[in-house]
Amino acid sequence: MPRTARRRRIGYRDKRRRVVKTIDSDAHTIEEQHILIDDTYTDTSFWPITELTELGDISSVQSPAFLNEHDETNEKIEHFVVLDKVYQYDPNNSLEEFVTTKREEHYSALKQSCQKLVEDPLYEQVEFMRSAEIIRYISVYDSDNPGIKFICTIKKNYLAEVFVHGKRLSDQHDLWHTLPRKFVIIQQVECLLNVLLKYDVCIGNPDEGLQKLCSGKMAYVETGYGAYRGDCAYQSTIRTISCILLTDRWKPRCKSCITYRKTVKKQEARSKLKTPTSSKNWLTSKKGNSRLTNSEKVEKIKQLKNYNSNLESQVTALTKKVKKSIRSDGVLISANNSSKDMVNLMTS
């Protein structure tokens, strides 16, 4: 082709470009005219990714498909698809199948790279789940009763999610602010793990004395984890419903759990100043059960058990007395006057 011809680069806006929706729900076909200045070209030189991202109307599209048409020439039409990079495809084949195949190939290659990543001592705290169908890392507490610390997953749509102690990390957590929206290449996955390992799990409030004061409205008792952080090891803890789960390594608790801790501490101090519940007879109290504190409920149950035990002892003693009277005096209790006879017997 003569050197005097000019080429319009795809990376810049052109009023003659038109976008046509294809069968693929997240792919677009873009038709645009171009004039080449070289006899040959490569995908990297003619389709630089940095230029493609300048197209504001397609930069957010998952897999746009491009159709190049050279005006005033007899050059053939060429078709390209942008996924993780630019691919040329045959228009005689199904675009949807082509895109699906390329995505599967790329995700499989990314998964293999992620598996090799844990060989680096830098990531010794995490393990790669080889049996999982998708990319998944797991971290487990090294304790007598080990529990899962967190699970990091990169789904087939390249979106990531993190579960801490079985609860999904909020999309509003600070951890995501410095990370890309999707994790398409291994360098992005490395960045995710590096940021994740800068955080640690909020310990909540593992004090046994405070757990009995948990109301259940603002917080809950989390159990079943042989967890630890530094010198603090715990099997259960009070975690607020707004706990962010992951905190900076130098912060043992998140702000929500710190605030709740102050509230429960004050409640504990007030309960110690009150008259001991054992000095009050809750069996004759008119205070409803729903208004009793946890400690008051426990004391009332103890008093009920003692009262029931005393009644059983009295019944046993009376039964023996009745049997003894029948044997010694031949007392017969008639069916008609059984209640009267029993009252007289008990009175004597």
Protein backbone atom coordinates (compact mmCIF):
# COMPACT_ATOMS: atom_id res chain seq x y z
CA MET A 1 0.00 0.00 0.00
CA PRO A 2 1.44 3.43 -0.86
CA ARG A 3 3.08 5.35 1.94
CA THR A 4 1.02 8.46 1.16
CA ALA A 5 -2.11 6.81 2.51
CA ARG A 6 -3.17 7.71 6.03
CA ARG A 7 -4.54 5.60 8.83
CA ARG A 8 -7.14 6.59 11.41
CA ARG A 9 -6.29 4.88 14.72
CA ILE A 10 -9.02 2.96 16.55
CA GLY A 11 -8.07 4.47 19.89
CA TYR A 12 -9.60 7.85 19.06
CA ARG A 13 -13.22 8.86 18.81
CA ASP A 14 -14.80 8.97 15.36
CA LYS A 15 -18.29 10.25 14.58
CA ARG A 16 -18.72 7.56 11.90
CA ARG A 17 -18.29 4.71 14.38
CA ARG A 18 -21.54 2.90 15.15
CA VAL A 19 -22.18 0.29 17.82
CA VAL A 20 -24.39 -2.70 17.07
CA LYS A 21 -25.57 -5.06 19.85
CA THR A 22 -24.67 -8.70 19.16
CA ILE A 23 -26.21 -11.94 20.41
CA ASP A 24 -23.69 -12.04 23.24
CA SER A 25 -25.24 -10.18 26.17
CA ASP A 26 -21.98 -8.43 27.08
CA ALA A 27 -20.35 -8.08 23.67
CA HIS A 28 -20.71 -5.27 21.13
CA THR A 29 -19.81 -5.05 17.43
CA ILE A 30 -18.19 -1.83 16.34
CA GLU A 31 -17.87 -0.99 12.65
CA GLU A 32 -15.32 1.63 11.70
CA GLN A 33 -13.37 2.55 8.57
CA HIS A 34 -9.56 2.48 8.53
CA ILE A 35 -6.75 3.14 6.04
CA LEU A 36 -3.46 1.31 6.63
CA ILE A 37 -0.05 2.87 6.18
CA ASP A 38 1.95 -0.37 6.37
CA ASP A 39 1.82 -3.57 4.35
CA THR A 40 1.85 -5.65 7.51
CA TYR A 41 0.85 -5.14 11.13
CA THR A 42 0.56 -7.05 14.36
CA ASP A 43 -2.24 -7.13 16.92
CA THR A 44 -0.11 -5.37 19.51
CA SER A 45 0.96 -2.54 17.23
CA PHE A 46 -2.37 -1.92 15.54
CA TRP A 47 -4.59 -2.66 18.58
CA PRO A 48 -2.80 -1.27 21.64
CA ILE A 49 -4.84 -1.82 24.80
CA THR A 50 -3.98 1.66 26.09
CA GLU A 51 -5.72 3.17 23.08
CA LEU A 52 -8.77 0.95 23.38
CA THR A 53 -9.40 2.13 26.92
CA GLU A 54 -9.70 5.68 25.65
CA LEU A 55 -13.04 4.79 24.07
CA GLY A 56 -15.30 5.85 26.87
CA ASP A 57 -18.38 4.11 25.50
CA ILE A 58 -16.72 0.66 25.33
CA SER A 59 -14.12 0.73 28.10
CA SER A 60 -16.56 -0.79 30.58
CA VAL A 61 -17.75 -3.52 28.24
CA GLN A 62 -16.68 -7.05 29.21
CA SER A 63 -15.95 -8.41 25.71
CA PRO A 64 -16.56 -6.00 22.82
CA ALA A 65 -16.19 -7.39 19.29
CA PHE A 66 -14.63 -5.14 16.64
CA LEU A 67 -15.22 -5.14 12.89
CA ASN A 68 -12.56 -3.36 10.76
CA GLU A 69 -13.62 -2.22 7.33
CA HIS A 70 -11.15 -0.46 5.00
CA ASP A 71 -12.85 2.15 2.85
CA GLU A 72 -12.00 2.75 -0.83
CA THR A 73 -10.02 -0.48 -0.98
CA ASN A 74 -10.65 -4.09 -1.74
CA GLU A 75 -9.18 -5.26 1.54
CA LYS A 76 -11.12 -7.99 3.34
CA ILE A 77 -13.09 -7.29 6.49
CA GLU A 78 -11.34 -8.40 9.65
CA HIS A 79 -13.02 -9.21 12.96
CA PHE A 80 -11.57 -8.79 16.43
CA VAL A 81 -12.76 -9.49 19.98
CA VAL A 82 -11.39 -7.74 23.06
CA LEU A 83 -11.29 -9.88 26.19
CA ASP A 84 -8.14 -9.96 28.31
CA LYS A 85 -6.44 -8.98 25.05
CA VAL A 86 -7.41 -8.59 21.39
CA TYR A 87 -8.27 -11.77 19.47
CA GLN A 88 -9.00 -12.12 15.76
CA TYR A 89 -11.88 -14.47 14.95
CA ASP A 90 -13.60 -16.00 11.93
CA PRO A 91 -17.04 -14.41 11.38
CA ASN A 92 -18.29 -17.68 9.90
CA ASN A 93 -18.13 -19.20 13.37
CA SER A 94 -20.32 -18.38 16.35
CA LEU A 95 -19.11 -15.28 18.16
CA GLU A 96 -20.73 -16.44 21.39
CA GLU A 97 -18.93 -19.80 21.30
CA PHE A 98 -15.64 -18.09 20.41
CA VAL A 99 -15.92 -15.70 23.37
CA THR A 100 -16.94 -18.49 25.76
CA THR A 101 -14.01 -20.69 24.69
CA LYS A 102 -11.47 -17.89 25.06
CA ARG A 103 -12.78 -16.98 28.48
CA GLU A 104 -12.57 -20.58 29.70
CA GLU A 105 -9.03 -20.91 28.36
CA HIS A 106 -7.96 -17.68 30.05
CA TYR A 107 -9.61 -18.54 33.38
CA SER A 108 -7.99 -21.99 33.36
CA ALA A 109 -4.56 -20.45 32.70
CA LEU A 110 -5.12 -17.89 35.47
CA LYS A 111 -6.10 -20.67 37.88
CA GLN A 112 -2.84 -22.53 37.20
CA SER A 113 -0.86 -19.35 37.84
CA CYS A 114 -2.76 -18.80 41.10
CA GLN A 115 -1.90 -22.32 42.23
CA LYS A 116 1.81 -21.68 41.70
CA LEU A 117 1.54 -18.40 43.58
CA VAL A 118 1.29 -20.07 47.02
CA GLU A 119 4.74 -21.61 46.52
CA ASP A 120 6.12 -18.19 47.41
CA PRO A 121 6.90 -18.03 51.20
CA LEU A 122 5.25 -14.62 51.19
CA TYR A 123 1.87 -16.38 50.99
CA GLU A 124 2.53 -19.19 53.45
CA GLN A 125 -0.52 -18.19 55.47
CA VAL A 126 -2.87 -19.22 52.67
CA GLU A 127 -3.50 -22.48 50.83
CA PHE A 128 -4.84 -22.98 47.32
CA MET A 129 -7.89 -25.26 47.07
CA ARG A 130 -6.97 -27.53 44.18
CA SER A 131 -10.23 -29.46 44.33
CA ALA A 132 -12.35 -26.33 43.79
CA GLU A 133 -13.71 -25.62 40.32
CA ILE A 134 -12.93 -21.94 40.70
CA ILE A 135 -9.98 -19.98 42.06
CA ARG A 136 -10.13 -20.20 45.84
CA TYR A 137 -7.66 -19.53 48.65
CA ILE A 138 -8.20 -20.54 52.28
CA SER A 139 -6.51 -19.64 55.56
CA VAL A 140 -6.94 -21.84 58.67
CA TYR A 141 -6.05 -21.21 62.33
CA ASP A 142 -3.24 -23.48 63.51
CA SER A 143 -4.79 -24.52 66.84
CA ASP A 144 -6.09 -27.59 68.70
CA ASN A 145 -9.59 -26.82 67.42
CA PRO A 146 -8.76 -25.26 64.05
CA GLY A 147 -11.30 -23.05 62.36
CA ILE A 148 -11.38 -21.35 58.99
CA LYS A 149 -9.99 -17.84 59.20
CA PHE A 150 -10.96 -16.58 55.76
CA ILE A 151 -11.75 -17.80 52.24
CA CYS A 152 -10.86 -15.70 49.21
CA THR A 153 -12.58 -16.57 45.93
CA ILE A 154 -12.22 -15.27 42.38
CA LYS A 155 -15.25 -16.32 40.39
CA LYS A 156 -15.40 -17.02 36.67
CA ASN A 157 -16.57 -13.48 36.02
CA TYR A 158 -13.30 -12.35 37.68
CA LEU A 159 -15.09 -10.73 40.60
CA ALA A 160 -13.64 -11.49 44.03
CA GLU A 161 -15.31 -12.11 47.38
CA VAL A 162 -13.92 -12.78 50.84
CA PHE A 163 -15.58 -14.69 53.70
CA VAL A 164 -14.26 -14.18 57.25
CA HIS A 165 -15.42 -16.67 59.90
CA GLY A 166 -18.12 -17.72 57.47
CA LYS A 167 -19.46 -14.19 56.92
CA ARG A 168 -19.11 -12.28 53.66
CA LEU A 169 -16.87 -9.23 53.77
CA SER A 170 -18.78 -6.08 52.87
CA ASP A 171 -18.20 -4.51 49.46
CA GLN A 172 -17.73 -1.22 51.33
CA HIS A 173 -14.74 -2.45 53.33
CA ASP A 174 -11.58 -0.36 53.01
CA LEU A 175 -9.76 -3.38 51.62
CA TRP A 176 -11.47 -2.98 48.23
CA HIS A 177 -10.71 0.72 47.82
CA THR A 178 -7.17 0.16 46.53
CA LEU A 179 -8.00 -2.87 44.38
CA PRO A 180 -9.37 -3.21 40.85
CA ARG A 181 -12.98 -4.23 40.33
CA LYS A 182 -11.99 -7.43 38.52
CA PHE A 183 -8.95 -9.70 38.79
CA VAL A 184 -8.07 -10.78 35.27
CA ILE A 185 -4.28 -11.25 35.46
CA ILE A 186 -2.03 -12.88 38.04
CA GLN A 187 -0.51 -9.53 39.07
CA GLN A 188 -3.96 -8.36 40.17
CA VAL A 189 -4.47 -11.55 42.20
CA GLU A 190 -1.10 -11.00 43.88
CA CYS A 191 -2.18 -7.48 44.76
CA LEU A 192 -5.39 -8.85 46.30
CA LEU A 193 -3.52 -11.33 48.52
CA ASN A 194 -0.94 -8.74 49.54
CA VAL A 195 -3.65 -6.33 50.67
CA LEU A 196 -5.67 -9.10 52.36
CA LEU A 197 -2.68 -10.24 54.43
CA LYS A 198 -2.22 -6.72 55.78
CA TYR A 199 -5.46 -7.19 57.73
CA ASP A 200 -6.37 -9.50 60.60
CA VAL A 201 -9.65 -10.71 62.09
CA CYS A 202 -11.36 -8.50 64.67
CA ILE A 203 -11.34 -10.40 67.98
CA GLY A 204 -14.62 -8.86 69.13
CA ASN A 205 -15.09 -9.30 72.90
CA PRO A 206 -14.06 -12.80 74.00
CA ASP A 207 -14.38 -12.06 77.77
CA GLU A 208 -16.48 -14.79 79.37
CA GLY A 209 -17.93 -12.36 81.92
CA LEU A 210 -19.32 -10.15 79.15
CA GLN A 211 -20.87 -12.87 77.01
CA LYS A 212 -23.73 -13.49 79.45
CA LEU A 213 -24.67 -9.81 79.09
CA CYS A 214 -25.07 -10.00 75.29
CA SER A 215 -28.58 -8.79 74.47
CA GLY A 216 -28.82 -10.16 70.93
CA LYS A 217 -30.14 -6.88 69.47
CA MET A 218 -26.84 -5.14 68.80
CA ALA A 219 -24.49 -8.13 68.95
CA TYR A 220 -24.30 -11.91 68.94
CA VAL A 221 -22.07 -14.58 70.44
CA GLU A 222 -19.90 -16.26 67.80
CA THR A 223 -18.81 -19.78 68.74
CA GLY A 224 -17.11 -22.80 67.20
CA TYR A 225 -13.79 -21.19 66.24
CA GLY A 226 -10.42 -22.09 67.71
CA ALA A 227 -9.28 -18.62 66.84
CA TYR A 228 -6.37 -16.53 68.03
CA ARG A 229 -4.71 -13.23 67.37
CA GLY A 230 -1.34 -12.66 68.95
CA ASP A 231 -1.58 -13.84 72.56
CA CYS A 232 -5.39 -13.74 72.56
CA ALA A 233 -6.90 -17.19 71.95
CA TYR A 234 -10.67 -17.70 72.11
CA GLN A 235 -13.37 -20.26 71.34
CA SER A 236 -16.21 -17.74 71.41
CA THR A 237 -16.60 -13.97 71.28
CA ILE A 238 -19.21 -11.22 71.19
CA ARG A 239 -19.32 -9.63 67.73
CA THR A 240 -21.53 -6.66 66.86
CA ILE A 241 -23.88 -7.00 63.91
CA SER A 242 -21.96 -4.14 62.24
CA CYS A 243 -18.51 -5.67 62.82
CA ILE A 244 -16.31 -5.13 59.73
CA LEU A 245 -14.56 -8.51 60.41
CA LEU A 246 -11.11 -7.42 59.20
CA THR A 247 -9.05 -4.69 60.88
CA ASP A 248 -5.52 -3.34 60.53
CA ARG A 249 -2.96 -5.62 62.18
CA TRP A 250 -2.26 -3.10 64.95
CA LYS A 251 -5.98 -2.78 65.82
CA PRO A 252 -7.35 -5.81 67.72
CA ARG A 253 -10.97 -4.63 67.40
CA CYS A 254 -13.01 -2.66 64.91
CA LYS A 255 -14.73 0.59 65.94
CA SER A 256 -18.14 -1.07 66.34
CA CYS A 257 -16.83 -3.74 68.72
CA ILE A 258 -14.86 -1.14 70.69
CA THR A 259 -18.01 0.97 71.20
CA TYR A 260 -20.06 -2.08 72.18
CA ARG A 261 -17.37 -3.17 74.62
CA LYS A 262 -17.65 0.13 76.48
CA THR A 263 -21.43 -0.29 76.72
CA VAL A 264 -21.25 -3.84 78.07
CA LYS A 265 -18.49 -2.92 80.51
CA LYS A 266 -20.71 -0.21 82.01
CA GLN A 267 -23.58 -2.70 82.24
CA GLU A 268 -21.31 -5.17 84.02
CA ALA A 269 -20.19 -2.51 86.51
CA ARG A 270 -23.79 -1.54 87.31
CA SER A 271 -24.78 -5.18 87.87
CA LYS A 272 -21.98 -5.62 90.43
CA LEU A 273 -23.26 -2.63 92.44
CA LYS A 274 -26.78 -4.05 92.72
CA THR A 275 -28.00 -6.14 95.69
CA PRO A 276 -27.15 -9.79 95.10
CA THR A 277 -30.09 -11.52 93.45
CA SER A 278 -29.85 -14.46 95.89
CA SER A 279 -31.27 -12.28 98.74
CA LYS A 280 -34.59 -11.83 96.91
CA ASN A 281 -37.38 -14.39 96.66
CA TRP A 282 -38.26 -14.38 92.97
CA LEU A 283 -41.07 -16.92 93.46
CA THR A 284 -43.21 -14.25 95.10
CA SER A 285 -41.98 -11.38 92.93
CA LYS A 286 -44.51 -9.68 90.63
CA LYS A 287 -41.81 -8.74 88.12
CA GLY A 288 -42.50 -10.46 84.80
CA ASN A 289 -40.01 -12.95 83.39
CA SER A 290 -39.50 -10.82 80.27
CA ARG A 291 -38.25 -7.97 82.44
CA LEU A 292 -35.73 -10.04 84.36
CA THR A 293 -32.04 -9.82 83.59
CA ASN A 294 -30.14 -12.95 82.64
CA SER A 295 -28.67 -13.28 86.13
CA GLU A 296 -32.11 -12.80 87.72
CA LYS A 297 -33.59 -15.47 85.48
CA VAL A 298 -30.85 -17.89 86.51
CA GLU A 299 -31.49 -17.20 90.20
CA LYS A 300 -35.26 -17.67 89.78
CA ILE A 301 -34.71 -21.03 88.07
CA LYS A 302 -32.50 -22.12 90.98
CA GLN A 303 -35.20 -21.12 93.47
CA LEU A 304 -37.85 -23.01 91.46
CA LYS A 305 -35.67 -26.12 91.44
CA ASN A 306 -35.19 -25.91 95.23
CA TYR A 307 -38.92 -25.38 95.74
CA ASN A 308 -39.74 -28.36 93.54
CA SER A 309 -37.19 -30.51 95.35
CA ASN A 310 -38.74 -29.60 98.72
CA LEU A 311 -42.22 -30.51 97.47
CA GLU A 312 -41.00 -33.88 96.25
CA SER A 313 -39.42 -34.55 99.64
CA GLN A 314 -42.68 -33.71 101.44
CA VAL A 315 -44.70 -35.99 99.14
CA THR A 316 -42.28 -38.83 99.75
CA ALA A 317 -42.50 -38.35 103.52
CA LEU A 318 -46.31 -38.26 103.49
CA THR A 319 -46.49 -41.37 101.31
CA LYS A 320 -44.36 -43.30 103.79
CA LYS A 321 -46.52 -42.03 106.66
CA VAL A 322 -49.72 -43.19 104.95
CA LYS A 323 -48.33 -46.65 104.30
CA LYS A 324 -47.13 -46.92 107.91
CA SER A 325 -50.56 -45.91 109.29
CA ILE A 326 -52.32 -48.49 107.17
CA ARG A 327 -50.04 -51.27 108.41
CA SER A 328 -50.18 -50.30 112.12
CA ASP A 329 -53.73 -49.07 112.65
CA GLY A 330 -55.51 -50.73 109.76
CA VAL A 331 -56.80 -47.40 108.52
CA LEU A 332 -58.83 -47.76 105.34
CA ILE A 333 -59.45 -44.82 103.07
CA SER A 334 -62.77 -45.13 101.30
CA ALA A 335 -63.28 -43.99 97.74
CA ASN A 336 -66.13 -41.65 98.75
CA ASN A 337 -64.34 -40.01 101.66
CA SER A 338 -60.77 -40.27 100.38
CA SER A 339 -60.16 -36.52 100.37
CA LYS A 340 -61.52 -36.06 103.92
CA ASP A 341 -59.62 -39.06 105.24
CA MET A 342 -56.38 -37.85 103.66
CA VAL A 343 -56.78 -34.36 105.18
CA ASN A 344 -57.41 -35.83 108.63
CA LEU A 345 -54.45 -38.14 108.24
CA MET A 346 -52.14 -35.32 107.20
CA THR A 347 -53.41 -33.13 110.04
CA SER A 348 -52.62 -35.79 112.61
